[in-house]
Amino acid sequence: SLAAGVPVVIVPLFADQLANALRLTEAGAGLALDPGIEGDDRRRPLSR
């Protein structure tokens, strides 16, 4: 998307996606939404 010059909204779910989201928002080319974590540092699944 960036190579095509199109801005992005990122909803990271797993793997390196959160790192990509942070780097992209720092560059000002989009926004990221992190669902966050639950107890014991477990990732919270995306929900309605």
PDB file of all heavy atoms in Angstrom:
ATOM      1  N   SER A   1       0.830  -1.203   0.000  1.00  0.00           N
ATOM      2  CA  SER A   1       0.000   0.000   0.000  1.00  0.00           C
ATOM      3  C   SER A   1       0.863   1.250   0.000  1.00  0.00           C
ATOM      4  O   SER A   1       0.608   2.210  -0.751  1.00  0.00           O
ATOM      5  CB  SER A   1      -0.929  -0.001   1.218  1.00  0.00           C
ATOM      6  OG  SER A   1      -1.762  -1.138   1.223  1.00  0.00           O
ATOM      7  N   LEU A   2       1.905   1.252   0.829  1.00  0.00           N
ATOM      8  CA  LEU A   2       2.779   2.423   0.892  1.00  0.00           C
ATOM      9  C   LEU A   2       3.505   2.632  -0.428  1.00  0.00           C
ATOM     10  O   LEU A   2       3.697   3.768  -0.876  1.00  0.00           O
ATOM     11  CB  LEU A   2       3.777   2.272   2.036  1.00  0.00           C
ATOM     12  CG  LEU A   2       3.191   2.281   3.447  1.00  0.00           C
ATOM     13  CD1 LEU A   2       4.301   2.144   4.474  1.00  0.00           C
ATOM     14  CD2 LEU A   2       2.384   3.538   3.699  1.00  0.00           C
ATOM     15  N   ALA A   3       3.932   1.542  -1.070  1.00  0.00           N
ATOM     16  CA  ALA A   3       4.610   1.667  -2.363  1.00  0.00           C
ATOM     17  C   ALA A   3       3.698   2.301  -3.403  1.00  0.00           C
ATOM     18  O   ALA A   3       4.169   2.934  -4.349  1.00  0.00           O
ATOM     19  CB  ALA A   3       5.092   0.300  -2.846  1.00  0.00           C
ATOM     20  N   ALA A   4       2.392   2.137  -3.220  1.00  0.00           N
ATOM     21  CA  ALA A   4       1.431   2.748  -4.128  1.00  0.00           C
ATOM     22  C   ALA A   4       0.987   4.123  -3.641  1.00  0.00           C
ATOM     23  O   ALA A   4       0.147   4.760  -4.293  1.00  0.00           O
ATOM     24  CB  ALA A   4       0.213   1.838  -4.274  1.00  0.00           C
ATOM     25  N   GLY A   5       1.522   4.568  -2.495  1.00  0.00           N
ATOM     26  CA  GLY A   5       1.163   5.877  -1.968  1.00  0.00           C
ATOM     27  C   GLY A   5      -0.199   5.934  -1.319  1.00  0.00           C
ATOM     28  O   GLY A   5      -0.796   7.015  -1.215  1.00  0.00           O
ATOM     29  N   VAL A   6      -0.717   4.789  -0.844  1.00  0.00           N
ATOM     30  CA  VAL A   6      -2.046   4.727  -0.239  1.00  0.00           C
ATOM     31  C   VAL A   6      -1.907   4.618   1.284  1.00  0.00           C
ATOM     32  O   VAL A   6      -1.222   3.713   1.772  1.00  0.00           O
ATOM     33  CB  VAL A   6      -2.839   3.514  -0.778  1.00  0.00           C
ATOM     34  CG1 VAL A   6      -4.223   3.456  -0.147  1.00  0.00           C
ATOM     35  CG2 VAL A   6      -2.935   3.576  -2.292  1.00  0.00           C
ATOM     36  N   PRO A   7      -2.534   5.502   2.055  1.00  0.00           N
ATOM     37  CA  PRO A   7      -2.439   5.426   3.521  1.00  0.00           C
ATOM     38  C   PRO A   7      -3.163   4.204   4.068  1.00  0.00           C
ATOM     39  O   PRO A   7      -4.012   3.608   3.393  1.00  0.00           O
ATOM     40  CB  PRO A   7      -3.086   6.729   3.993  1.00  0.00           C
ATOM     41  CG  PRO A   7      -4.010   7.115   2.883  1.00  0.00           C
ATOM     42  CD  PRO A   7      -3.365   6.632   1.610  1.00  0.00           C
ATOM     43  N   VAL A   8      -2.844   3.854   5.316  1.00  0.00           N
ATOM     44  CA  VAL A   8      -3.277   2.575   5.889  1.00  0.00           C
ATOM     45  C   VAL A   8      -3.835   2.770   7.298  1.00  0.00           C
ATOM     46  O   VAL A   8      -3.311   3.568   8.074  1.00  0.00           O
ATOM     47  CB  VAL A   8      -2.093   1.582   5.930  1.00  0.00           C
ATOM     48  CG1 VAL A   8      -2.522   0.245   6.498  1.00  0.00           C
ATOM     49  CG2 VAL A   8      -1.501   1.393   4.537  1.00  0.00           C
ATOM     50  N   VAL A   9      -4.881   2.004   7.627  1.00  0.00           N
ATOM     51  CA  VAL A   9      -5.337   1.813   9.006  1.00  0.00           C
ATOM     52  C   VAL A   9      -5.033   0.365   9.364  1.00  0.00           C
ATOM     53  O   VAL A   9      -5.469  -0.560   8.668  1.00  0.00           O
ATOM     54  CB  VAL A   9      -6.841   2.093   9.163  1.00  0.00           C
ATOM     55  CG1 VAL A   9      -7.336   1.625  10.536  1.00  0.00           C
ATOM     56  CG2 VAL A   9      -7.128   3.583   8.988  1.00  0.00           C
ATOM     57  N   ILE A  10      -4.254   0.167  10.420  1.00  0.00           N
ATOM     58  CA  ILE A  10      -3.797  -1.175  10.792  1.00  0.00           C
ATOM     59  C   ILE A  10      -4.477  -1.639  12.075  1.00  0.00           C
ATOM     60  O   ILE A  10      -4.525  -0.911  13.066  1.00  0.00           O
ATOM     61  CB  ILE A  10      -2.265  -1.213  10.974  1.00  0.00           C
ATOM     62  CG1 ILE A  10      -1.571  -0.884   9.648  1.00  0.00           C
ATOM     63  CG2 ILE A  10      -1.818  -2.585  11.468  1.00  0.00           C
ATOM     64  CD1 ILE A  10      -0.058  -0.920   9.734  1.00  0.00           C
ATOM     65  N   VAL A  11      -4.988  -2.881  12.037  1.00  0.00           N
ATOM     66  CA  VAL A  11      -5.549  -3.538  13.217  1.00  0.00           C
ATOM     67  C   VAL A  11      -4.700  -4.789  13.455  1.00  0.00           C
ATOM     68  O   VAL A  11      -5.018  -5.879  12.963  1.00  0.00           O
ATOM     69  CB  VAL A  11      -7.023  -3.922  12.989  1.00  0.00           C
ATOM     70  CG1 VAL A  11      -7.636  -4.475  14.278  1.00  0.00           C
ATOM     71  CG2 VAL A  11      -7.822  -2.721  12.493  1.00  0.00           C
ATOM     72  N   PRO A  12      -3.583  -4.682  14.186  1.00  0.00           N
ATOM     73  CA  PRO A  12      -2.648  -5.806  14.308  1.00  0.00           C
ATOM     74  C   PRO A  12      -3.241  -6.960  15.114  1.00  0.00           C
ATOM     75  O   PRO A  12      -3.892  -6.754  16.131  1.00  0.00           O
ATOM     76  CB  PRO A  12      -1.446  -5.179  15.028  1.00  0.00           C
ATOM     77  CG  PRO A  12      -1.988  -3.993  15.747  1.00  0.00           C
ATOM     78  CD  PRO A  12      -3.132  -3.489  14.920  1.00  0.00           C
ATOM     79  N   LEU A  13      -2.980  -8.187  14.637  1.00  0.00           N
ATOM     80  CA  LEU A  13      -3.523  -9.377  15.281  1.00  0.00           C
ATOM     81  C   LEU A  13      -2.438 -10.313  15.805  1.00  0.00           C
ATOM     82  O   LEU A  13      -2.604 -10.928  16.848  1.00  0.00           O
ATOM     83  CB  LEU A  13      -4.419 -10.143  14.294  1.00  0.00           C
ATOM     84  CG  LEU A  13      -5.630  -9.370  13.744  1.00  0.00           C
ATOM     85  CD1 LEU A  13      -6.389 -10.229  12.735  1.00  0.00           C
ATOM     86  CD2 LEU A  13      -6.550  -8.928  14.872  1.00  0.00           C
ATOM     87  N   PHE A  14      -1.322 -10.473  15.079  1.00  0.00           N
ATOM     88  CA  PHE A  14      -0.281 -11.411  15.511  1.00  0.00           C
ATOM     89  C   PHE A  14       0.998 -11.140  14.739  1.00  0.00           C
ATOM     90  O   PHE A  14       1.056 -10.253  13.887  1.00  0.00           O
ATOM     91  CB  PHE A  14      -0.731 -12.877  15.317  1.00  0.00           C
ATOM     92  CG  PHE A  14      -1.254 -13.192  13.947  1.00  0.00           C
ATOM     93  CD1 PHE A  14      -0.391 -13.562  12.934  1.00  0.00           C
ATOM     94  CD2 PHE A  14      -2.608 -13.108  13.671  1.00  0.00           C
ATOM     95  CE1 PHE A  14      -0.859 -13.858  11.658  1.00  0.00           C
ATOM     96  CE2 PHE A  14      -3.103 -13.407  12.399  1.00  0.00           C
ATOM     97  CZ  PHE A  14      -2.222 -13.780  11.393  1.00  0.00           C
ATOM     98  N   ALA A  15       2.020 -11.941  15.034  1.00  0.00           N
ATOM     99  CA  ALA A  15       3.331 -11.891  14.353  1.00  0.00           C
ATOM    100  C   ALA A  15       3.928 -10.484  14.434  1.00  0.00           C
ATOM    101  O   ALA A  15       3.883  -9.849  15.478  1.00  0.00           O
ATOM    102  CB  ALA A  15       3.188 -12.390  12.910  1.00  0.00           C
ATOM    103  N   ASP A  16       4.494  -9.991  13.303  1.00  0.00           N
ATOM    104  CA  ASP A  16       5.197  -8.712  13.308  1.00  0.00           C
ATOM    105  C   ASP A  16       4.276  -7.527  13.058  1.00  0.00           C
ATOM    106  O   ASP A  16       4.731  -6.405  12.838  1.00  0.00           O
ATOM    107  CB  ASP A  16       6.297  -8.721  12.253  1.00  0.00           C
ATOM    108  CG  ASP A  16       5.750  -8.890  10.839  1.00  0.00           C
ATOM    109  OD1 ASP A  16       4.572  -9.286  10.694  1.00  0.00           O
ATOM    110  OD2 ASP A  16       6.504  -8.645   9.883  1.00  0.00           O
ATOM    111  N   GLN A  17       2.976  -7.752  13.098  1.00  0.00           N
ATOM    112  CA  GLN A  17       2.028  -6.728  12.678  1.00  0.00           C
ATOM    113  C   GLN A  17       2.033  -5.504  13.601  1.00  0.00           C
ATOM    114  O   GLN A  17       1.869  -4.364  13.132  1.00  0.00           O
ATOM    115  CB  GLN A  17       0.635  -7.334  12.574  1.00  0.00           C
ATOM    116  CG  GLN A  17       0.547  -8.388  11.486  1.00  0.00           C
ATOM    117  CD  GLN A  17      -0.591  -9.349  11.654  1.00  0.00           C
ATOM    118  OE1 GLN A  17      -1.474  -9.169  12.496  1.00  0.00           O
ATOM    119  NE2 GLN A  17      -0.586 -10.418  10.857  1.00  0.00           N
ATOM    120  N   LEU A  18       2.210  -5.709  14.890  1.00  0.00           N
ATOM    121  CA  LEU A  18       2.247  -4.568  15.802  1.00  0.00           C
ATOM    122  C   LEU A  18       3.479  -3.705  15.548  1.00  0.00           C
ATOM    123  O   LEU A  18       3.402  -2.472  15.562  1.00  0.00           O
ATOM    124  CB  LEU A  18       2.233  -5.044  17.259  1.00  0.00           C
ATOM    125  CG  LEU A  18       2.203  -3.932  18.316  1.00  0.00           C
ATOM    126  CD1 LEU A  18       0.994  -3.025  18.129  1.00  0.00           C
ATOM    127  CD2 LEU A  18       2.202  -4.526  19.726  1.00  0.00           C
ATOM    128  N   ALA A  19       4.615  -4.343  15.279  1.00  0.00           N
ATOM    129  CA  ALA A  19       5.830  -3.582  14.966  1.00  0.00           C
ATOM    130  C   ALA A  19       5.646  -2.773  13.686  1.00  0.00           C
ATOM    131  O   ALA A  19       6.048  -1.602  13.615  1.00  0.00           O
ATOM    132  CB  ALA A  19       7.021  -4.532  14.826  1.00  0.00           C
ATOM    133  N   ASN A  20       5.035  -3.372  12.670  1.00  0.00           N
ATOM    134  CA  ASN A  20       4.757  -2.636  11.431  1.00  0.00           C
ATOM    135  C   ASN A  20       3.830  -1.458  11.696  1.00  0.00           C
ATOM    136  O   ASN A  20       4.017  -0.363  11.145  1.00  0.00           O
ATOM    137  CB  ASN A  20       4.126  -3.562  10.392  1.00  0.00           C
ATOM    138  CG  ASN A  20       5.079  -4.636   9.899  1.00  0.00           C
ATOM    139  OD1 ASN A  20       6.295  -4.478   9.958  1.00  0.00           O
ATOM    140  ND2 ASN A  20       4.533  -5.728   9.412  1.00  0.00           N
ATOM    141  N   ALA A  21       2.837  -1.683  12.542  1.00  0.00           N
ATOM    142  CA  ALA A  21       1.870  -0.629  12.849  1.00  0.00           C
ATOM    143  C   ALA A  21       2.540   0.555  13.542  1.00  0.00           C
ATOM    144  O   ALA A  21       2.286   1.718  13.208  1.00  0.00           O
ATOM    145  CB  ALA A  21       0.750  -1.194  13.728  1.00  0.00           C
ATOM    146  N   LEU A  22       3.392   0.269  14.500  1.00  0.00           N
ATOM    147  CA  LEU A  22       4.068   1.343  15.231  1.00  0.00           C
ATOM    148  C   LEU A  22       4.966   2.156  14.300  1.00  0.00           C
ATOM    149  O   LEU A  22       4.985   3.391  14.348  1.00  0.00           O
ATOM    150  CB  LEU A  22       4.889   0.759  16.385  1.00  0.00           C
ATOM    151  CG  LEU A  22       4.085   0.126  17.530  1.00  0.00           C
ATOM    152  CD1 LEU A  22       5.015  -0.563  18.518  1.00  0.00           C
ATOM    153  CD2 LEU A  22       3.246   1.179  18.238  1.00  0.00           C
ATOM    154  N   ARG A  23       5.704   1.472  13.437  1.00  0.00           N
ATOM    155  CA  ARG A  23       6.621   2.165  12.534  1.00  0.00           C
ATOM    156  C   ARG A  23       5.849   3.036  11.534  1.00  0.00           C
ATOM    157  O   ARG A  23       6.261   4.147  11.216  1.00  0.00           O
ATOM    158  CB  ARG A  23       7.484   1.139  11.811  1.00  0.00           C
ATOM    159  CG  ARG A  23       8.760   1.699  11.198  1.00  0.00           C
ATOM    160  CD  ARG A  23       9.760   2.168  12.258  1.00  0.00           C
ATOM    161  NE  ARG A  23      10.207   1.109  13.122  1.00  0.00           N
ATOM    162  CZ  ARG A  23      11.183   0.255  12.856  1.00  0.00           C
ATOM    163  NH1 ARG A  23      11.823   0.340  11.702  1.00  0.00           N
ATOM    164  NH2 ARG A  23      11.545  -0.649  13.737  1.00  0.00           N
ATOM    165  N   LEU A  24       4.724   2.523  11.074  1.00  0.00           N
ATOM    166  CA  LEU A  24       3.951   3.264  10.087  1.00  0.00           C
ATOM    167  C   LEU A  24       3.300   4.505  10.701  1.00  0.00           C
ATOM    168  O   LEU A  24       3.275   5.570  10.090  1.00  0.00           O
ATOM    169  CB  LEU A  24       2.880   2.357   9.488  1.00  0.00           C
ATOM    170  CG  LEU A  24       2.007   3.019   8.437  1.00  0.00           C
ATOM    171  CD1 LEU A  24       2.050   2.224   7.143  1.00  0.00           C
ATOM    172  CD2 LEU A  24       0.577   3.131   8.925  1.00  0.00           C
ATOM    173  N   THR A  25       2.788   4.378  11.937  1.00  0.00           N
ATOM    174  CA  THR A  25       2.177   5.544  12.570  1.00  0.00           C
ATOM    175  C   THR A  25       3.224   6.599  12.898  1.00  0.00           C
ATOM    176  O   THR A  25       2.959   7.798  12.803  1.00  0.00           O
ATOM    177  CB  THR A  25       1.416   5.149  13.838  1.00  0.00           C
ATOM    178  OG1 THR A  25       2.289   4.422  14.718  1.00  0.00           O
ATOM    179  CG2 THR A  25       0.231   4.262  13.505  1.00  0.00           C
ATOM    180  N   GLU A  26       4.429   6.168  13.270  1.00  0.00           N
ATOM    181  CA  GLU A  26       5.511   7.127  13.515  1.00  0.00           C
ATOM    182  C   GLU A  26       5.835   7.916  12.255  1.00  0.00           C
ATOM    183  O   GLU A  26       6.197   9.100  12.326  1.00  0.00           O
ATOM    184  CB  GLU A  26       6.761   6.394  14.009  1.00  0.00           C
ATOM    185  CG  GLU A  26       6.633   5.816  15.422  1.00  0.00           C
ATOM    186  CD  GLU A  26       7.805   4.923  15.786  1.00  0.00           C
ATOM    187  OE1 GLU A  26       8.680   4.710  14.915  1.00  0.00           O
ATOM    188  OE2 GLU A  26       7.849   4.425  16.927  1.00  0.00           O
ATOM    189  N   ALA A  27       5.691   7.281  11.100  1.00  0.00           N
ATOM    190  CA  ALA A  27       5.970   7.953   9.830  1.00  0.00           C
ATOM    191  C   ALA A  27       4.816   8.826   9.369  1.00  0.00           C
ATOM    192  O   ALA A  27       4.951   9.568   8.394  1.00  0.00           O
ATOM    193  CB  ALA A  27       6.294   6.912   8.756  1.00  0.00           C
ATOM    194  N   GLY A  28       3.666   8.742  10.046  1.00  0.00           N
ATOM    195  CA  GLY A  28       2.529   9.577   9.700  1.00  0.00           C
ATOM    196  C   GLY A  28       1.751   9.117   8.494  1.00  0.00           C
ATOM    197  O   GLY A  28       0.947   9.874   7.941  1.00  0.00           O
ATOM    198  N   ALA A  29       1.955   7.852   8.055  1.00  0.00           N
ATOM    199  CA  ALA A  29       1.295   7.358   6.852  1.00  0.00           C
ATOM    200  C   ALA A  29       0.025   6.576   7.154  1.00  0.00           C
ATOM    201  O   ALA A  29      -0.535   5.928   6.266  1.00  0.00           O
ATOM    202  CB  ALA A  29       2.249   6.483   6.048  1.00  0.00           C
ATOM    203  N   GLY A  30      -0.440   6.623   8.396  1.00  0.00           N
ATOM    204  CA  GLY A  30      -1.657   5.916   8.757  1.00  0.00           C
ATOM    205  C   GLY A  30      -1.842   5.884  10.255  1.00  0.00           C
ATOM    206  O   GLY A  30      -1.084   6.511  11.011  1.00  0.00           O
ATOM    207  N   LEU A  31      -2.862   5.163  10.688  1.00  0.00           N
ATOM    208  CA  LEU A  31      -3.157   5.002  12.110  1.00  0.00           C
ATOM    209  C   LEU A  31      -3.244   3.519  12.436  1.00  0.00           C
ATOM    210  O   LEU A  31      -3.527   2.687  11.565  1.00  0.00           O
ATOM    211  CB  LEU A  31      -4.478   5.680  12.469  1.00  0.00           C
ATOM    212  CG  LEU A  31      -4.509   7.213  12.478  1.00  0.00           C
ATOM    213  CD1 LEU A  31      -5.909   7.705  12.795  1.00  0.00           C
ATOM    214  CD2 LEU A  31      -3.506   7.770  13.481  1.00  0.00           C
ATOM    215  N   ALA A  32      -2.999   3.182  13.704  1.00  0.00           N
ATOM    216  CA  ALA A  32      -3.068   1.797  14.151  1.00  0.00           C
ATOM    217  C   ALA A  32      -3.995   1.685  15.342  1.00  0.00           C
ATOM    218  O   ALA A  32      -4.076   2.582  16.174  1.00  0.00           O
ATOM    219  CB  ALA A  32      -1.683   1.276  14.517  1.00  0.00           C
ATOM    220  N   LEU A  33      -4.690   0.565  15.417  1.00  0.00           N
ATOM    221  CA  LEU A  33      -5.575   0.248  16.525  1.00  0.00           C
ATOM    222  C   LEU A  33      -5.093  -1.049  17.144  1.00  0.00           C
ATOM    223  O   LEU A  33      -5.094  -2.088  16.491  1.00  0.00           O
ATOM    224  CB  LEU A  33      -7.016   0.083  16.026  1.00  0.00           C
ATOM    225  CG  LEU A  33      -8.006  -0.438  17.055  1.00  0.00           C
ATOM    226  CD1 LEU A  33      -8.457   0.708  17.954  1.00  0.00           C
ATOM    227  CD2 LEU A  33      -9.213  -1.084  16.382  1.00  0.00           C
ATOM    228  N   ASP A  34      -4.664  -1.012  18.398  1.00  0.00           N
ATOM    229  CA  ASP A  34      -4.196  -2.207  19.083  1.00  0.00           C
ATOM    230  C   ASP A  34      -5.292  -2.692  20.028  1.00  0.00           C
ATOM    231  O   ASP A  34      -5.667  -1.963  20.949  1.00  0.00           O
ATOM    232  CB  ASP A  34      -2.917  -1.910  19.862  1.00  0.00           C
ATOM    233  CG  ASP A  34      -2.331  -3.151  20.515  1.00  0.00           C
ATOM    234  OD1 ASP A  34      -2.841  -4.259  20.252  1.00  0.00           O
ATOM    235  OD2 ASP A  34      -1.376  -3.017  21.304  1.00  0.00           O
ATOM    236  N   PRO A  35      -5.835  -3.910  19.822  1.00  0.00           N
ATOM    237  CA  PRO A  35      -6.865  -4.409  20.736  1.00  0.00           C
ATOM    238  C   PRO A  35      -6.402  -4.499  22.185  1.00  0.00           C
ATOM    239  O   PRO A  35      -7.211  -4.506  23.095  1.00  0.00           O
ATOM    240  CB  PRO A  35      -7.191  -5.805  20.173  1.00  0.00           C
ATOM    241  CG  PRO A  35      -6.807  -5.718  18.737  1.00  0.00           C
ATOM    242  CD  PRO A  35      -5.601  -4.819  18.710  1.00  0.00           C
ATOM    243  N   GLY A  36      -5.081  -4.592  22.413  1.00  0.00           N
ATOM    244  CA  GLY A  36      -4.556  -4.598  23.779  1.00  0.00           C
ATOM    245  C   GLY A  36      -4.358  -5.998  24.316  1.00  0.00           C
ATOM    246  O   GLY A  36      -4.386  -6.987  23.591  1.00  0.00           O
ATOM    247  N   ILE A  37      -4.163  -6.084  25.639  1.00  0.00           N
ATOM    248  CA  ILE A  37      -3.870  -7.362  26.280  1.00  0.00           C
ATOM    249  C   ILE A  37      -4.849  -7.621  27.419  1.00  0.00           C
ATOM    250  O   ILE A  37      -5.499  -6.721  27.935  1.00  0.00           O
ATOM    251  CB  ILE A  37      -2.431  -7.399  26.832  1.00  0.00           C
ATOM    252  CG1 ILE A  37      -2.218  -6.271  27.865  1.00  0.00           C
ATOM    253  CG2 ILE A  37      -1.419  -7.282  25.717  1.00  0.00           C
ATOM    254  CD1 ILE A  37      -0.885  -6.338  28.560  1.00  0.00           C
ATOM    255  N   GLU A  38      -4.962  -8.895  27.781  1.00  0.00           N
ATOM    256  CA  GLU A  38      -5.746  -9.307  28.945  1.00  0.00           C
ATOM    257  C   GLU A  38      -4.756  -9.715  30.037  1.00  0.00           C
ATOM    258  O   GLU A  38      -3.583  -9.361  29.994  1.00  0.00           O
ATOM    259  CB  GLU A  38      -6.657 -10.478  28.549  1.00  0.00           C
ATOM    260  CG  GLU A  38      -7.672 -10.108  27.489  1.00  0.00           C
ATOM    261  CD  GLU A  38      -8.504 -11.291  27.042  1.00  0.00           C
ATOM    262  OE1 GLU A  38      -7.944 -12.391  26.899  1.00  0.00           O
ATOM    263  OE2 GLU A  38      -9.700 -11.092  26.832  1.00  0.00           O
ATOM    264  N   GLY A  39      -5.220 -10.451  31.023  1.00  0.00           N
ATOM    265  CA  GLY A  39      -4.328 -10.879  32.103  1.00  0.00           C
ATOM    266  C   GLY A  39      -3.215 -11.768  31.604  1.00  0.00           C
ATOM    267  O   GLY A  39      -3.309 -12.386  30.538  1.00  0.00           O
ATOM    268  N   ASP A  40      -2.123 -11.810  32.359  1.00  0.00           N
ATOM    269  CA  ASP A  40      -0.953 -12.649  32.046  1.00  0.00           C
ATOM    270  C   ASP A  40      -0.333 -12.286  30.703  1.00  0.00           C
ATOM    271  O   ASP A  40       0.265 -13.129  30.034  1.00  0.00           O
ATOM    272  CB  ASP A  40      -1.326 -14.137  32.038  1.00  0.00           C
ATOM    273  CG  ASP A  40      -1.884 -14.608  33.367  1.00  0.00           C
ATOM    274  OD1 ASP A  40      -1.401 -14.114  34.408  1.00  0.00           O
ATOM    275  OD2 ASP A  40      -2.804 -15.433  33.370  1.00  0.00           O
ATOM    276  N   ASP A  41      -0.484 -11.018  30.303  1.00  0.00           N
ATOM    277  CA  ASP A  41       0.139 -10.526  29.085  1.00  0.00           C
ATOM    278  C   ASP A  41      -0.346 -11.257  27.837  1.00  0.00           C
ATOM    279  O   ASP A  41       0.340 -11.335  26.829  1.00  0.00           O
ATOM    280  CB  ASP A  41       1.670 -10.630  29.186  1.00  0.00           C
ATOM    281  CG  ASP A  41       2.384  -9.756  28.155  1.00  0.00           C
ATOM    282  OD1 ASP A  41       1.817  -8.711  27.795  1.00  0.00           O
ATOM    283  OD2 ASP A  41       3.480 -10.129  27.719  1.00  0.00           O
ATOM    284  N   ARG A  42      -1.561 -11.797  27.886  1.00  0.00           N
ATOM    285  CA  ARG A  42      -2.133 -12.484  26.727  1.00  0.00           C
ATOM    286  C   ARG A  42      -2.801 -11.455  25.821  1.00  0.00           C
ATOM    287  O   ARG A  42      -3.447 -10.521  26.280  1.00  0.00           O
ATOM    288  CB  ARG A  42      -3.165 -13.526  27.159  1.00  0.00           C
ATOM    289  CG  ARG A  42      -2.559 -14.692  27.918  1.00  0.00           C
ATOM    290  CD  ARG A  42      -3.647 -15.577  28.492  1.00  0.00           C
ATOM    291  NE  ARG A  42      -4.465 -16.180  27.450  1.00  0.00           N
ATOM    292  CZ  ARG A  42      -4.200 -17.323  26.842  1.00  0.00           C
ATOM    293  NH1 ARG A  42      -3.106 -17.994  27.157  1.00  0.00           N
ATOM    294  NH2 ARG A  42      -4.996 -17.817  25.918  1.00  0.00           N
ATOM    295  N   ARG A  43      -2.636 -11.620  24.518  1.00  0.00           N
ATOM    296  CA  ARG A  43      -3.251 -10.714  23.565  1.00  0.00           C
ATOM    297  C   ARG A  43      -4.775 -10.846  23.608  1.00  0.00           C
ATOM    298  O   ARG A  43      -5.303 -11.943  23.739  1.00  0.00           O
ATOM    299  CB  ARG A  43      -2.771 -11.029  22.151  1.00  0.00           C
ATOM    300  CG  ARG A  43      -1.272 -10.967  21.976  1.00  0.00           C
ATOM    301  CD  ARG A  43      -0.759  -9.556  21.906  1.00  0.00           C
ATOM    302  NE  ARG A  43      -1.318  -8.818  20.796  1.00  0.00           N
ATOM    303  CZ  ARG A  43      -1.281  -7.503  20.679  1.00  0.00           C
ATOM    304  NH1 ARG A  43      -0.750  -6.779  21.632  1.00  0.00           N
ATOM    305  NH2 ARG A  43      -1.786  -6.906  19.632  1.00  0.00           N
ATOM    306  N   ARG A  44      -5.489  -9.723  23.517  1.00  0.00           N
ATOM    307  CA  ARG A  44      -6.944  -9.753  23.485  1.00  0.00           C
ATOM    308  C   ARG A  44      -7.403  -9.857  22.042  1.00  0.00           C
ATOM    309  O   ARG A  44      -7.048  -9.016  21.220  1.00  0.00           O
ATOM    310  CB  ARG A  44      -7.517  -8.483  24.121  1.00  0.00           C
ATOM    311  CG  ARG A  44      -9.053  -8.457  24.154  1.00  0.00           C
ATOM    312  CD  ARG A  44      -9.576  -7.230  24.865  1.00  0.00           C
ATOM    313  NE  ARG A  44      -9.357  -6.010  24.110  1.00  0.00           N
ATOM    314  CZ  ARG A  44     -10.120  -5.607  23.104  1.00  0.00           C
ATOM    315  NH1 ARG A  44     -11.137  -6.352  22.690  1.00  0.00           N
ATOM    316  NH2 ARG A  44      -9.870  -4.468  22.489  1.00  0.00           N
ATOM    317  N   PRO A  45      -8.211 -10.877  21.706  1.00  0.00           N
ATOM    318  CA  PRO A  45      -8.681 -10.994  20.326  1.00  0.00           C
ATOM    319  C   PRO A  45      -9.554  -9.799  19.936  1.00  0.00           C
ATOM    320  O   PRO A  45     -10.206  -9.182  20.781  1.00  0.00           O
ATOM    321  CB  PRO A  45      -9.500 -12.288  20.338  1.00  0.00           C
ATOM    322  CG  PRO A  45      -9.062 -13.030  21.555  1.00  0.00           C
ATOM    323  CD  PRO A  45      -8.675 -11.985  22.557  1.00  0.00           C
ATOM    324  N   LEU A  46      -9.575  -9.486  18.667  1.00  0.00           N
ATOM    325  CA  LEU A  46     -10.432  -8.434  18.157  1.00  0.00           C
ATOM    326  C   LEU A  46     -11.889  -8.815  18.396  1.00  0.00           C
ATOM    327  O   LEU A  46     -12.284  -9.959  18.205  1.00  0.00           O
ATOM    328  CB  LEU A  46     -10.179  -8.261  16.662  1.00  0.00           C
ATOM    329  CG  LEU A  46     -10.755  -7.026  15.979  1.00  0.00           C
ATOM    330  CD1 LEU A  46     -10.088  -5.768  16.504  1.00  0.00           C
ATOM    331  CD2 LEU A  46     -10.555  -7.145  14.466  1.00  0.00           C
ATOM    332  N   SER A  47     -12.699  -7.846  18.836  1.00  0.00           N
ATOM    333  CA  SER A  47     -14.108  -8.133  19.130  1.00  0.00           C
ATOM    334  C   SER A  47     -14.989  -7.002  18.639  1.00  0.00           C
ATOM    335  O   SER A  47     -14.513  -5.931  18.269  1.00  0.00           O
ATOM    336  CB  SER A  47     -14.308  -8.346  20.634  1.00  0.00           C
ATOM    337  OG  SER A  47     -14.082  -7.131  21.336  1.00  0.00           O
ATOM    338  N   ARG A  48     -16.304  -7.248  18.657  1.00  0.00           N
ATOM    339  CA  ARG A  48     -17.257  -6.283  18.123  1.00  0.00           C
ATOM    340  C   ARG A  48     -17.161  -4.923  18.809  1.00  0.00           C
ATOM    341  O   ARG A  48     -17.468  -3.893  18.217  1.00  0.00           O
ATOM    342  CB  ARG A  48     -18.677  -6.849  18.256  1.00  0.00           C
ATOM    343  CG  ARG A  48     -19.637  -6.447  17.167  1.00  0.00           C
ATOM    344  CD  ARG A  48     -19.283  -7.121  15.851  1.00  0.00           C
ATOM    345  NE  ARG A  48     -19.227  -8.550  15.960  1.00  0.00           N
ATOM    346  CZ  ARG A  48     -20.278  -9.348  15.745  1.00  0.00           C
ATOM    347  NH1 ARG A  48     -21.434  -8.845  15.401  1.00  0.00           N
ATOM    348  NH2 ARG A  48     -20.148 -10.655  15.822  1.00  0.00           N
TER     349      ARG A  48
END
